[in-house]
Amino acid sequence: MRNPITGLGPASYRAYARMKPLPYARAYWIDPLVNSHNNYVDLFAQGGVLGLGLFFWFSAEVIRLGLRLRTRFADGFAGVM
């Protein structure tokens, strides 16, 4: 939560997620980097609230355009699913 409005930038939050070295079976993981394994958490960490809002706005516009084009091209090659 260093910069919740604009985020930390692409992959720059990884420095805040470093952990102590991890023993795994007989191997020793010296430099573990933690990933959130969630795209929306990554979007928030890298782009902040502003980036997450822009992503949802873009997604809504793409869906809206797809639905509008679907009614325009109902048959023929462009209308085949």
PDB file of N, CA and C in Angstrom:
ATOM      1  N   MET A   1       0.823  -1.191   0.000  1.00  0.00           N
ATOM      2  CA  MET A   1       0.000   0.000   0.000  1.00  0.00           C
ATOM      3  C   MET A   1       0.871   1.260   0.000  1.00  0.00           C
ATOM      4  N   ARG A   2       2.007   1.190  -0.646  1.00  0.00           N
ATOM      5  CA  ARG A   2       2.878   2.361  -0.733  1.00  0.00           C
ATOM      6  C   ARG A   2       2.255   3.458  -1.576  1.00  0.00           C
ATOM      7  N   ASN A   3       1.688   3.094  -2.717  1.00  0.00           N
ATOM      8  CA  ASN A   3       1.100   4.066  -3.627  1.00  0.00           C
ATOM      9  C   ASN A   3      -0.182   3.475  -4.209  1.00  0.00           C
ATOM     10  N   PRO A   4      -1.293   3.537  -3.482  1.00  0.00           N
ATOM     11  CA  PRO A   4      -2.513   2.864  -3.936  1.00  0.00           C
ATOM     12  C   PRO A   4      -3.186   3.526  -5.144  1.00  0.00           C
ATOM     13  N   ILE A   5      -2.908   4.795  -5.414  1.00  0.00           N
ATOM     14  CA  ILE A   5      -3.567   5.481  -6.527  1.00  0.00           C
ATOM     15  C   ILE A   5      -2.972   5.046  -7.861  1.00  0.00           C
ATOM     16  N   THR A   6      -1.655   5.119  -8.013  1.00  0.00           N
ATOM     17  CA  THR A   6      -1.025   4.794  -9.289  1.00  0.00           C
ATOM     18  C   THR A   6      -0.216   3.505  -9.258  1.00  0.00           C
ATOM     19  N   GLY A   7      -0.098   2.856  -8.128  1.00  0.00           N
ATOM     20  CA  GLY A   7       0.609   1.582  -8.046  1.00  0.00           C
ATOM     21  C   GLY A   7       2.116   1.746  -8.018  1.00  0.00           C
ATOM     22  N   LEU A   8       2.812   0.629  -8.088  1.00  0.00           N
ATOM     23  CA  LEU A   8       4.264   0.625  -8.006  1.00  0.00           C
ATOM     24  C   LEU A   8       4.947   0.458  -9.346  1.00  0.00           C
ATOM     25  N   GLY A   9       4.194   0.281 -10.408  1.00  0.00           N
ATOM     26  CA  GLY A   9       4.774   0.074 -11.724  1.00  0.00           C
ATOM     27  C   GLY A   9       4.937  -1.408 -12.011  1.00  0.00           C
ATOM     28  N   PRO A  10       5.234  -1.759 -13.263  1.00  0.00           N
ATOM     29  CA  PRO A  10       5.338  -3.166 -13.646  1.00  0.00           C
ATOM     30  C   PRO A  10       6.412  -3.924 -12.860  1.00  0.00           C
ATOM     31  N   ALA A  11       5.985  -4.908 -12.133  1.00  0.00           N
ATOM     32  CA  ALA A  11       6.841  -5.842 -11.399  1.00  0.00           C
ATOM     33  C   ALA A  11       7.732  -5.190 -10.355  1.00  0.00           C
ATOM     34  N   SER A  12       7.486  -3.959  -9.969  1.00  0.00           N
ATOM     35  CA  SER A  12       8.343  -3.334  -8.959  1.00  0.00           C
ATOM     36  C   SER A  12       7.878  -3.633  -7.540  1.00  0.00           C
ATOM     37  N   TYR A  13       6.737  -4.294  -7.370  1.00  0.00           N
ATOM     38  CA  TYR A  13       6.283  -4.645  -6.032  1.00  0.00           C
ATOM     39  C   TYR A  13       6.979  -5.899  -5.521  1.00  0.00           C
ATOM     40  N   ARG A  14       7.696  -6.607  -6.384  1.00  0.00           N
ATOM     41  CA  ARG A  14       8.344  -7.852  -5.970  1.00  0.00           C
ATOM     42  C   ARG A  14       9.370  -7.627  -4.875  1.00  0.00           C
ATOM     43  N   ALA A  15      10.008  -6.484  -4.875  1.00  0.00           N
ATOM     44  CA  ALA A  15      10.998  -6.220  -3.821  1.00  0.00           C
ATOM     45  C   ALA A  15      10.356  -6.178  -2.442  1.00  0.00           C
ATOM     46  N   TYR A  16       9.083  -5.841  -2.363  1.00  0.00           N
ATOM     47  CA  TYR A  16       8.389  -5.785  -1.081  1.00  0.00           C
ATOM     48  C   TYR A  16       7.904  -7.161  -0.639  1.00  0.00           C
ATOM     49  N   ALA A  17       7.926  -8.135  -1.532  1.00  0.00           N
ATOM     50  CA  ALA A  17       7.404  -9.466  -1.225  1.00  0.00           C
ATOM     51  C   ALA A  17       8.517 -10.489  -0.993  1.00  0.00           C
ATOM     52  N   ARG A  18       9.744 -10.050  -0.845  1.00  0.00           N
ATOM     53  CA  ARG A  18      10.847 -10.990  -0.609  1.00  0.00           C
ATOM     54  C   ARG A  18      10.674 -11.665   0.747  1.00  0.00           C
ATOM     55  N   MET A  19      11.123 -12.897   0.795  1.00  0.00           N
ATOM     56  CA  MET A  19      10.998 -13.680   2.020  1.00  0.00           C
ATOM     57  C   MET A  19      12.366 -14.230   2.396  1.00  0.00           C
ATOM     58  N   LYS A  20      12.436 -14.843   3.558  1.00  0.00           N
ATOM     59  CA  LYS A  20      13.686 -15.489   3.948  1.00  0.00           C
ATOM     60  C   LYS A  20      13.895 -16.725   3.076  1.00  0.00           C
ATOM     61  N   PRO A  21      15.138 -17.199   2.963  1.00  0.00           N
ATOM     62  CA  PRO A  21      15.384 -18.389   2.146  1.00  0.00           C
ATOM     63  C   PRO A  21      14.542 -19.577   2.610  1.00  0.00           C
ATOM     64  N   LEU A  22      14.036 -20.332   1.655  1.00  0.00           N
ATOM     65  CA  LEU A  22      13.137 -21.436   1.951  1.00  0.00           C
ATOM     66  C   LEU A  22      13.814 -22.778   1.717  1.00  0.00           C
ATOM     67  N   PRO A  23      13.779 -23.678   2.697  1.00  0.00           N
ATOM     68  CA  PRO A  23      14.229 -25.045   2.425  1.00  0.00           C
ATOM     69  C   PRO A  23      13.083 -25.828   1.793  1.00  0.00           C
ATOM     70  N   TYR A  24      13.377 -26.556   0.720  1.00  0.00           N
ATOM     71  CA  TYR A  24      12.356 -27.336   0.033  1.00  0.00           C
ATOM     72  C   TYR A  24      12.942 -28.709  -0.243  1.00  0.00           C
ATOM     73  N   ALA A  25      12.442 -29.727   0.469  1.00  0.00           N
ATOM     74  CA  ALA A  25      12.976 -31.090   0.385  1.00  0.00           C
ATOM     75  C   ALA A  25      14.466 -31.025   0.688  1.00  0.00           C
ATOM     76  N   ARG A  26      15.312 -31.443  -0.251  1.00  0.00           N
ATOM     77  CA  ARG A  26      16.751 -31.353  -0.024  1.00  0.00           C
ATOM     78  C   ARG A  26      17.369 -30.158  -0.747  1.00  0.00           C
ATOM     79  N   ALA A  27      16.540 -29.321  -1.364  1.00  0.00           N
ATOM     80  CA  ALA A  27      17.033 -28.127  -2.046  1.00  0.00           C
ATOM     81  C   ALA A  27      16.855 -26.920  -1.131  1.00  0.00           C
ATOM     82  N   TYR A  28      17.570 -25.872  -1.426  1.00  0.00           N
ATOM     83  CA  TYR A  28      17.497 -24.648  -0.630  1.00  0.00           C
ATOM     84  C   TYR A  28      17.234 -23.491  -1.581  1.00  0.00           C
ATOM     85  N   TRP A  29      16.063 -22.896  -1.492  1.00  0.00           N
ATOM     86  CA  TRP A  29      15.649 -21.810  -2.366  1.00  0.00           C
ATOM     87  C   TRP A  29      16.165 -20.508  -1.768  1.00  0.00           C
ATOM     88  N   ILE A  30      17.244 -19.974  -2.328  1.00  0.00           N
ATOM     89  CA  ILE A  30      17.935 -18.847  -1.710  1.00  0.00           C
ATOM     90  C   ILE A  30      17.217 -17.520  -1.930  1.00  0.00           C
ATOM     91  N   ASP A  31      16.703 -17.290  -3.105  1.00  0.00           N
ATOM     92  CA  ASP A  31      16.102 -16.001  -3.416  1.00  0.00           C
ATOM     93  C   ASP A  31      14.632 -16.166  -3.815  1.00  0.00           C
ATOM     94  N   PRO A  32      13.754 -16.487  -2.864  1.00  0.00           N
ATOM     95  CA  PRO A  32      12.346 -16.695  -3.230  1.00  0.00           C
ATOM     96  C   PRO A  32      11.648 -15.375  -3.537  1.00  0.00           C
ATOM     97  N   LEU A  33      10.912 -15.344  -4.630  1.00  0.00           N
ATOM     98  CA  LEU A  33      10.081 -14.193  -4.977  1.00  0.00           C
ATOM     99  C   LEU A  33       8.632 -14.650  -4.949  1.00  0.00           C
ATOM    100  N   VAL A  34       7.810 -13.913  -4.280  1.00  0.00           N
ATOM    101  CA  VAL A  34       6.425 -14.311  -4.092  1.00  0.00           C
ATOM    102  C   VAL A  34       5.568 -13.645  -5.155  1.00  0.00           C
ATOM    103  N   ASN A  35       4.706 -14.418  -5.769  1.00  0.00           N
ATOM    104  CA  ASN A  35       3.759 -13.913  -6.743  1.00  0.00           C
ATOM    105  C   ASN A  35       2.369 -14.047  -6.146  1.00  0.00           C
ATOM    106  N   SER A  36       1.481 -13.129  -6.467  1.00  0.00           N
ATOM    107  CA  SER A  36       0.144 -13.171  -5.884  1.00  0.00           C
ATOM    108  C   SER A  36      -0.717 -14.275  -6.494  1.00  0.00           C
ATOM    109  N   HIS A  37      -0.407 -14.747  -7.696  1.00  0.00           N
ATOM    110  CA  HIS A  37      -1.199 -15.750  -8.409  1.00  0.00           C
ATOM    111  C   HIS A  37      -2.627 -15.275  -8.637  1.00  0.00           C
ATOM    112  N   ASN A  38      -2.820 -13.970  -8.718  1.00  0.00           N
ATOM    113  CA  ASN A  38      -4.126 -13.391  -8.988  1.00  0.00           C
ATOM    114  C   ASN A  38      -3.913 -12.175  -9.883  1.00  0.00           C
ATOM    115  N   ASN A  39      -4.478 -12.197 -11.062  1.00  0.00           N
ATOM    116  CA  ASN A  39      -4.247 -11.107 -12.007  1.00  0.00           C
ATOM    117  C   ASN A  39      -4.769  -9.769 -11.512  1.00  0.00           C
ATOM    118  N   TYR A  40      -5.880  -9.766 -10.806  1.00  0.00           N
ATOM    119  CA  TYR A  40      -6.443  -8.500 -10.343  1.00  0.00           C
ATOM    120  C   TYR A  40      -5.610  -7.907  -9.211  1.00  0.00           C
ATOM    121  N   VAL A  41      -5.048  -8.739  -8.363  1.00  0.00           N
ATOM    122  CA  VAL A  41      -4.150  -8.242  -7.320  1.00  0.00           C
ATOM    123  C   VAL A  41      -2.889  -7.682  -7.964  1.00  0.00           C
ATOM    124  N   ASP A  42      -2.376  -8.359  -8.998  1.00  0.00           N
ATOM    125  CA  ASP A  42      -1.215  -7.842  -9.714  1.00  0.00           C
ATOM    126  C   ASP A  42      -1.533  -6.509 -10.395  1.00  0.00           C
ATOM    127  N   LEU A  43      -2.709  -6.403 -11.008  1.00  0.00           N
ATOM    128  CA  LEU A  43      -3.107  -5.134 -11.626  1.00  0.00           C
ATOM    129  C   LEU A  43      -3.171  -4.018 -10.601  1.00  0.00           C
ATOM    130  N   PHE A  44      -3.711  -4.306  -9.433  1.00  0.00           N
ATOM    131  CA  PHE A  44      -3.788  -3.287  -8.383  1.00  0.00           C
ATOM    132  C   PHE A  44      -2.397  -2.927  -7.886  1.00  0.00           C
ATOM    133  N   ALA A  45      -1.526  -3.925  -7.688  1.00  0.00           N
ATOM    134  CA  ALA A  45      -0.181  -3.646  -7.184  1.00  0.00           C
ATOM    135  C   ALA A  45       0.638  -2.848  -8.189  1.00  0.00           C
ATOM    136  N   GLN A  46       0.493  -3.155  -9.464  1.00  0.00           N
ATOM    137  CA  GLN A  46       1.312  -2.491 -10.479  1.00  0.00           C
ATOM    138  C   GLN A  46       0.693  -1.198 -10.990  1.00  0.00           C
ATOM    139  N   GLY A  47      -0.627  -1.140 -11.094  1.00  0.00           N
ATOM    140  CA  GLY A  47      -1.272   0.038 -11.666  1.00  0.00           C
ATOM    141  C   GLY A  47      -2.090   0.844 -10.691  1.00  0.00           C
ATOM    142  N   GLY A  48      -2.289   0.338  -9.489  1.00  0.00           N
ATOM    143  CA  GLY A  48      -3.073   1.041  -8.491  1.00  0.00           C
ATOM    144  C   GLY A  48      -4.554   1.054  -8.829  1.00  0.00           C
ATOM    145  N   VAL A  49      -5.288   1.856  -8.110  1.00  0.00           N
ATOM    146  CA  VAL A  49      -6.729   1.980  -8.330  1.00  0.00           C
ATOM    147  C   VAL A  49      -6.996   2.558  -9.717  1.00  0.00           C
ATOM    148  N   LEU A  50      -6.153   3.482 -10.140  1.00  0.00           N
ATOM    149  CA  LEU A  50      -6.313   4.102 -11.457  1.00  0.00           C
ATOM    150  C   LEU A  50      -6.144   3.062 -12.576  1.00  0.00           C
ATOM    151  N   GLY A  51      -5.111   2.250 -12.501  1.00  0.00           N
ATOM    152  CA  GLY A  51      -4.885   1.223 -13.515  1.00  0.00           C
ATOM    153  C   GLY A  51      -5.956   0.158 -13.520  1.00  0.00           C
ATOM    154  N   LEU A  52      -6.410  -0.251 -12.333  1.00  0.00           N
ATOM    155  CA  LEU A  52      -7.467  -1.256 -12.242  1.00  0.00           C
ATOM    156  C   LEU A  52      -8.771  -0.718 -12.823  1.00  0.00           C
ATOM    157  N   GLY A  53      -9.069   0.548 -12.538  1.00  0.00           N
ATOM    158  CA  GLY A  53     -10.265   1.178 -13.107  1.00  0.00           C
ATOM    159  C   GLY A  53     -10.199   1.282 -14.623  1.00  0.00           C
ATOM    160  N   LEU A  54      -9.030   1.652 -15.145  1.00  0.00           N
ATOM    161  CA  LEU A  54      -8.865   1.724 -16.596  1.00  0.00           C
ATOM    162  C   LEU A  54      -9.000   0.343 -17.245  1.00  0.00           C
ATOM    163  N   PHE A  55      -8.487  -0.694 -16.592  1.00  0.00           N
ATOM    164  CA  PHE A  55      -8.627  -2.048 -17.122  1.00  0.00           C
ATOM    165  C   PHE A  55     -10.092  -2.472 -17.189  1.00  0.00           C
ATOM    166  N   PHE A  56     -10.858  -2.212 -16.123  1.00  0.00           N
ATOM    167  CA  PHE A  56     -12.279  -2.576 -16.128  1.00  0.00           C
ATOM    168  C   PHE A  56     -13.060  -1.753 -17.157  1.00  0.00           C
ATOM    169  N   TRP A  57     -12.696  -0.495 -17.332  1.00  0.00           N
ATOM    170  CA  TRP A  57     -13.344   0.342 -18.337  1.00  0.00           C
ATOM    171  C   TRP A  57     -13.064  -0.212 -19.734  1.00  0.00           C
ATOM    172  N   PHE A  58     -11.804  -0.571 -20.020  1.00  0.00           N
ATOM    173  CA  PHE A  58     -11.441  -1.159 -21.305  1.00  0.00           C
ATOM    174  C   PHE A  58     -12.201  -2.464 -21.538  1.00  0.00           C
ATOM    175  N   SER A  59     -12.278  -3.303 -20.513  1.00  0.00           N
ATOM    176  CA  SER A  59     -12.996  -4.578 -20.646  1.00  0.00           C
ATOM    177  C   SER A  59     -14.471  -4.355 -20.954  1.00  0.00           C
ATOM    178  N   ALA A  60     -15.087  -3.399 -20.277  1.00  0.00           N
ATOM    179  CA  ALA A  60     -16.503  -3.107 -20.516  1.00  0.00           C
ATOM    180  C   ALA A  60     -16.722  -2.586 -21.937  1.00  0.00           C
ATOM    181  N   GLU A  61     -15.818  -1.750 -22.427  1.00  0.00           N
ATOM    182  CA  GLU A  61     -15.949  -1.228 -23.784  1.00  0.00           C
ATOM    183  C   GLU A  61     -15.782  -2.328 -24.834  1.00  0.00           C
ATOM    184  N   VAL A  62     -14.868  -3.259 -24.607  1.00  0.00           N
ATOM    185  CA  VAL A  62     -14.675  -4.372 -25.542  1.00  0.00           C
ATOM    186  C   VAL A  62     -15.916  -5.256 -25.572  1.00  0.00           C
ATOM    187  N   ILE A  63     -16.506  -5.526 -24.414  1.00  0.00           N
ATOM    188  CA  ILE A  63     -17.725  -6.332 -24.356  1.00  0.00           C
ATOM    189  C   ILE A  63     -18.871  -5.607 -25.056  1.00  0.00           C
ATOM    190  N   ARG A  64     -18.985  -4.313 -24.797  1.00  0.00           N
ATOM    191  CA  ARG A  64     -20.048  -3.526 -25.435  1.00  0.00           C
ATOM    192  C   ARG A  64     -19.896  -3.509 -26.959  1.00  0.00           C
ATOM    193  N   LEU A  65     -18.680  -3.335 -27.437  1.00  0.00           N
ATOM    194  CA  LEU A  65     -18.426  -3.349 -28.878  1.00  0.00           C
ATOM    195  C   LEU A  65     -18.717  -4.719 -29.473  1.00  0.00           C
ATOM    196  N   GLY A  66     -18.335  -5.778 -28.779  1.00  0.00           N
ATOM    197  CA  GLY A  66     -18.606  -7.131 -29.265  1.00  0.00           C
ATOM    198  C   GLY A  66     -20.090  -7.417 -29.383  1.00  0.00           C
ATOM    199  N   LEU A  67     -20.861  -6.988 -28.399  1.00  0.00           N
ATOM    200  CA  LEU A  67     -22.309  -7.194 -28.456  1.00  0.00           C
ATOM    201  C   LEU A  67     -22.946  -6.386 -29.574  1.00  0.00           C
ATOM    202  N   ARG A  68     -22.447  -5.177 -29.797  1.00  0.00           N
ATOM    203  CA  ARG A  68     -22.986  -4.351 -30.878  1.00  0.00           C
ATOM    204  C   ARG A  68     -22.647  -4.937 -32.244  1.00  0.00           C
ATOM    205  N   LEU A  69     -21.420  -5.438 -32.409  1.00  0.00           N
ATOM    206  CA  LEU A  69     -21.032  -6.036 -33.690  1.00  0.00           C
ATOM    207  C   LEU A  69     -21.728  -7.366 -33.932  1.00  0.00           C
ATOM    208  N   ARG A  70     -22.077  -8.045 -32.871  1.00  0.00           N
ATOM    209  CA  ARG A  70     -22.773  -9.322 -33.017  1.00  0.00           C
ATOM    210  C   ARG A  70     -24.144  -9.146 -33.651  1.00  0.00           C
ATOM    211  N   THR A  71     -24.838  -8.082 -33.331  1.00  0.00           N
ATOM    212  CA  THR A  71     -26.149  -7.827 -33.936  1.00  0.00           C
ATOM    213  C   THR A  71     -25.993  -7.310 -35.360  1.00  0.00           C
ATOM    214  N   ARG A  72     -24.870  -6.652 -35.665  1.00  0.00           N
ATOM    215  CA  ARG A  72     -24.659  -6.112 -37.003  1.00  0.00           C
ATOM    216  C   ARG A  72     -24.309  -7.196 -38.012  1.00  0.00           C
ATOM    217  N   PHE A  73     -23.495  -8.169 -37.606  1.00  0.00           N
ATOM    218  CA  PHE A  73     -23.080  -9.259 -38.482  1.00  0.00           C
ATOM    219  C   PHE A  73     -23.677 -10.566 -37.970  1.00  0.00           C
ATOM    220  N   ALA A  74     -24.936 -10.815 -38.298  1.00  0.00           N
ATOM    221  CA  ALA A  74     -25.627 -11.985 -37.772  1.00  0.00           C
ATOM    222  C   ALA A  74     -25.406 -13.240 -38.631  1.00  0.00           C
ATOM    223  N   ASP A  75     -25.155 -13.075 -39.918  1.00  0.00           N
ATOM    224  CA  ASP A  75     -24.964 -14.236 -40.774  1.00  0.00           C
ATOM    225  C   ASP A  75     -23.753 -14.019 -41.681  1.00  0.00           C
ATOM    226  N   GLY A  76     -23.381 -15.056 -42.394  1.00  0.00           N
ATOM    227  CA  GLY A  76     -22.208 -14.985 -43.251  1.00  0.00           C
ATOM    228  C   GLY A  76     -20.944 -15.376 -42.499  1.00  0.00           C
ATOM    229  N   PHE A  77     -19.795 -15.124 -43.124  1.00  0.00           N
ATOM    230  CA  PHE A  77     -18.522 -15.514 -42.536  1.00  0.00           C
ATOM    231  C   PHE A  77     -18.248 -14.793 -41.225  1.00  0.00           C
ATOM    232  N   ALA A  78     -18.581 -13.504 -41.152  1.00  0.00           N
ATOM    233  CA  ALA A  78     -18.320 -12.722 -39.940  1.00  0.00           C
ATOM    234  C   ALA A  78     -19.233 -13.135 -38.787  1.00  0.00           C
ATOM    235  N   GLY A  79     -20.380 -13.752 -39.089  1.00  0.00           N
ATOM    236  CA  GLY A  79     -21.305 -14.114 -38.036  1.00  0.00           C
ATOM    237  C   GLY A  79     -21.163 -15.539 -37.547  1.00  0.00           C
ATOM    238  N   VAL A  80     -20.262 -16.310 -38.123  1.00  0.00           N
ATOM    239  CA  VAL A  80     -20.075 -17.714 -37.725  1.00  0.00           C
ATOM    240  C   VAL A  80     -19.374 -17.762 -36.393  1.00  0.00           C
ATOM    241  N   MET A  81     -19.886 -18.574 -35.502  1.00  0.00           N
ATOM    242  CA  MET A  81     -19.258 -18.729 -34.184  1.00  0.00           C
ATOM    243  C   MET A  81     -18.273 -19.851 -34.205  1.00  0.00           C
TER     244      MET A  81
END
